[in-house]
Amino acid sequence: LYLAQDKFEQESRQFLPRHEQTEILNWLCWQMRSVPMLAEQGGFGHYFQVLQEKQKQQRDNTGSNAGNSFFYGLHHYTMQVKQQLQILDQRLAKSPYIAGKTYSIADMALFPWYGQL
């Protein structure tokens, strides 16, 4: 954000155009709020990575409730990520890029997290 805003202040501000700056900043804030649900350190990624291990443990403990809290977490974060993807789909159905008509730093920030899902 610093480079997009200050480094190119005298130039065109190609990735943070003034006419879309508010929308770009809104999407960057949305990303910072949403990524923990997706991240490997405690959200969907964490639960998805250990799914097979927990399923094996549950098979080994047949008849017990082992792993129920894990499956609740997996379901919770899966629904959160699904909702985020729906928000992105709705936005991209209205405009070619996430913050408007031009490719911006918001697109650069969101793609590594959501582009591979």
Protein backbone atom coordinates (compact mmCIF):
# COMPACT_ATOMS: atom_id res chain seq x y z
CA LEU A 1 0.00 0.00 0.00
CA TYR A 2 2.83 2.35 0.85
CA LEU A 3 4.50 1.81 -2.51
CA ALA A 4 1.25 2.09 -4.42
CA GLN A 5 0.37 5.31 -2.62
CA ASP A 6 3.61 7.20 -2.05
CA LYS A 7 6.19 5.80 -4.45
CA PHE A 8 4.11 6.70 -7.46
CA GLU A 9 2.51 9.86 -6.04
CA GLN A 10 3.80 12.00 -8.88
CA GLU A 11 3.18 9.35 -11.51
CA SER A 12 -0.05 7.72 -12.60
CA ARG A 13 -0.79 5.72 -9.41
CA GLN A 14 -1.61 2.85 -11.69
CA PHE A 15 -2.47 0.35 -8.94
CA LEU A 16 -4.18 2.80 -6.55
CA PRO A 17 -6.05 5.28 -8.75
CA ARG A 18 -7.56 8.20 -6.91
CA HIS A 19 -11.05 7.70 -8.32
CA GLU A 20 -11.20 4.14 -6.89
CA GLN A 21 -9.03 4.60 -3.79
CA THR A 22 -11.86 4.28 -1.25
CA GLU A 23 -13.19 1.08 -2.83
CA ILE A 24 -9.67 -0.37 -3.03
CA LEU A 25 -9.01 0.37 0.64
CA ASN A 26 -12.38 -1.17 1.58
CA TRP A 27 -11.46 -4.41 -0.20
CA LEU A 28 -8.01 -4.47 1.39
CA CYS A 29 -9.64 -4.16 4.83
CA TRP A 30 -12.13 -6.89 3.88
CA GLN A 31 -9.23 -9.14 2.95
CA MET A 32 -7.45 -8.57 6.26
CA ARG A 33 -10.64 -9.47 8.14
CA SER A 34 -11.40 -12.51 5.98
CA VAL A 35 -8.03 -14.20 5.51
CA PRO A 36 -7.78 -15.65 9.05
CA MET A 37 -10.79 -17.84 8.22
CA LEU A 38 -8.90 -19.14 5.21
CA ALA A 39 -5.36 -19.30 6.60
CA GLU A 40 -3.44 -22.43 7.50
CA GLN A 41 -2.76 -21.28 11.06
CA GLY A 42 -6.23 -21.67 12.47
CA GLY A 43 -8.93 -21.49 9.87
CA PHE A 44 -10.14 -23.59 6.99
CA GLY A 45 -6.61 -24.49 5.89
CA HIS A 46 -5.70 -25.91 9.29
CA TYR A 47 -8.81 -28.07 9.54
CA PHE A 48 -8.58 -29.20 5.95
CA GLN A 49 -4.93 -30.26 6.30
CA VAL A 50 -5.53 -32.52 9.30
CA LEU A 51 -8.83 -33.96 8.05
CA GLN A 52 -7.43 -37.38 7.15
CA GLU A 53 -5.59 -37.72 10.46
CA LYS A 54 -8.73 -36.94 12.43
CA GLN A 55 -10.85 -39.29 10.32
CA LYS A 56 -8.36 -42.08 11.04
CA GLN A 57 -8.49 -41.32 14.75
CA GLN A 58 -12.26 -41.38 14.70
CA ARG A 59 -12.28 -44.77 12.93
CA ASP A 60 -9.90 -46.11 15.56
CA ASN A 61 -12.19 -44.84 18.34
CA THR A 62 -15.46 -46.22 16.98
CA GLY A 63 -18.38 -45.64 19.27
CA SER A 64 -16.86 -42.57 20.90
CA ASN A 65 -17.30 -38.89 20.17
CA ALA A 66 -13.63 -38.36 19.35
CA GLY A 67 -13.20 -35.66 16.75
CA ASN A 68 -16.69 -34.12 16.89
CA SER A 69 -15.29 -30.71 17.76
CA PHE A 70 -12.91 -31.05 14.84
CA PHE A 71 -15.77 -31.65 12.41
CA TYR A 72 -17.66 -28.69 13.86
CA GLY A 73 -14.61 -26.49 13.19
CA LEU A 74 -14.19 -27.85 9.68
CA HIS A 75 -17.85 -27.18 8.90
CA HIS A 76 -17.71 -23.69 10.44
CA TYR A 77 -14.66 -22.58 8.49
CA THR A 78 -15.88 -24.22 5.28
CA MET A 79 -19.09 -22.20 5.49
CA GLN A 80 -17.12 -19.01 6.21
CA VAL A 81 -14.90 -19.53 3.16
CA LYS A 82 -17.94 -20.39 1.02
CA GLN A 83 -19.55 -17.11 2.07
CA GLN A 84 -16.37 -15.18 1.22
CA LEU A 85 -16.23 -16.78 -2.22
CA GLN A 86 -19.87 -15.86 -2.82
CA ILE A 87 -19.10 -12.23 -1.94
CA LEU A 88 -16.17 -12.22 -4.36
CA ASP A 89 -18.27 -13.87 -7.10
CA GLN A 90 -21.03 -11.29 -6.68
CA ARG A 91 -18.55 -8.44 -6.84
CA LEU A 92 -16.72 -9.78 -9.88
CA ALA A 93 -20.04 -10.31 -11.67
CA LYS A 94 -20.55 -6.52 -11.47
CA SER A 95 -17.08 -5.31 -12.42
CA PRO A 96 -14.03 -6.73 -14.20
CA TYR A 97 -11.79 -6.22 -11.16
CA ILE A 98 -12.48 -6.39 -7.45
CA ALA A 99 -12.43 -2.64 -6.79
CA GLY A 100 -13.79 -1.38 -10.08
CA LYS A 101 -12.77 -0.96 -13.68
CA THR A 102 -8.99 -1.10 -13.26
CA TYR A 103 -6.55 -3.69 -11.99
CA SER A 104 -5.40 -2.55 -8.55
CA ILE A 105 -3.47 -3.46 -5.46
CA ALA A 106 -6.69 -5.01 -4.09
CA ASP A 107 -6.62 -7.61 -6.87
CA MET A 108 -2.95 -8.27 -6.19
CA ALA A 109 -3.62 -8.79 -2.48
CA LEU A 110 -6.65 -11.06 -2.91
CA PHE A 111 -5.47 -13.37 -5.67
CA PRO A 112 -2.80 -15.32 -3.73
CA TRP A 113 -5.38 -16.21 -1.08
CA TYR A 114 -8.45 -16.92 -3.18
CA GLY A 115 -7.13 -17.51 -6.69
CA GLN A 116 -6.26 -21.15 -6.11
CA LEU A 117 -9.49 -22.27 -4.41
